[in-house]
Amino acid sequence: MSKRVELNQPAPDFTLADFKGSEVSLSNFRGKKNILLVFNRGFF
């Protein structure tokens, strides 16, 4: 089971595929840009 993310704390690093299938890690943007994550549940 994953550890719960606490409020007002930096997000843990993770890697996901972007819309083109390329892997992108959160750490690639840390300190450079603001990030908005959207998880579409059941969206295909």
Protein backbone atom coordinates (compact mmCIF):
# COMPACT_ATOMS: atom_id res chain seq x y z
CA MET A 1 0.00 0.00 0.00
CA SER A 2 1.28 3.47 -0.86
CA LYS A 3 2.17 5.99 1.80
CA ARG A 4 -0.33 8.84 2.08
CA VAL A 5 0.79 12.28 0.84
CA GLU A 6 0.54 14.91 3.57
CA LEU A 7 -0.91 18.37 2.94
CA ASN A 8 1.50 21.28 2.44
CA GLN A 9 4.43 18.95 1.73
CA PRO A 10 6.34 18.46 -1.53
CA ALA A 11 4.97 15.61 -3.64
CA PRO A 12 7.10 12.46 -3.81
CA ASP A 13 8.86 11.85 -7.10
CA PHE A 14 7.07 9.63 -9.61
CA THR A 15 7.21 8.78 -13.30
CA LEU A 16 4.22 8.50 -15.64
CA ALA A 17 3.66 8.37 -19.37
CA ASP A 18 2.55 11.60 -21.04
CA PHE A 19 -0.11 11.76 -23.76
CA LYS A 20 2.51 10.76 -26.37
CA GLY A 21 3.69 7.74 -24.36
CA SER A 22 7.02 9.28 -23.26
CA GLU A 23 8.00 8.84 -19.62
CA VAL A 24 8.06 12.04 -17.58
CA SER A 25 9.25 12.37 -13.97
CA LEU A 26 8.14 15.01 -11.51
CA SER A 27 11.79 15.54 -10.56
CA ASN A 28 12.46 16.84 -14.10
CA PHE A 29 10.43 19.96 -13.23
CA ARG A 30 11.23 20.43 -9.52
CA GLY A 31 12.31 24.01 -8.86
CA LYS A 32 11.76 25.03 -12.50
CA LYS A 33 8.01 25.20 -13.11
CA ASN A 34 4.64 24.99 -11.42
CA ILE A 35 2.94 21.66 -12.02
CA LEU A 36 -0.79 20.94 -12.22
CA LEU A 37 -1.69 17.26 -12.04
CA VAL A 38 -5.04 16.03 -13.30
CA PHE A 39 -6.05 12.41 -12.78
CA ASN A 40 -9.10 11.63 -14.90
CA ARG A 41 -10.85 8.72 -13.29
CA GLY A 42 -12.47 6.48 -15.87
CA PHE A 43 -11.52 8.76 -18.78
CA PHE A 44 -10.39 6.93 -21.92
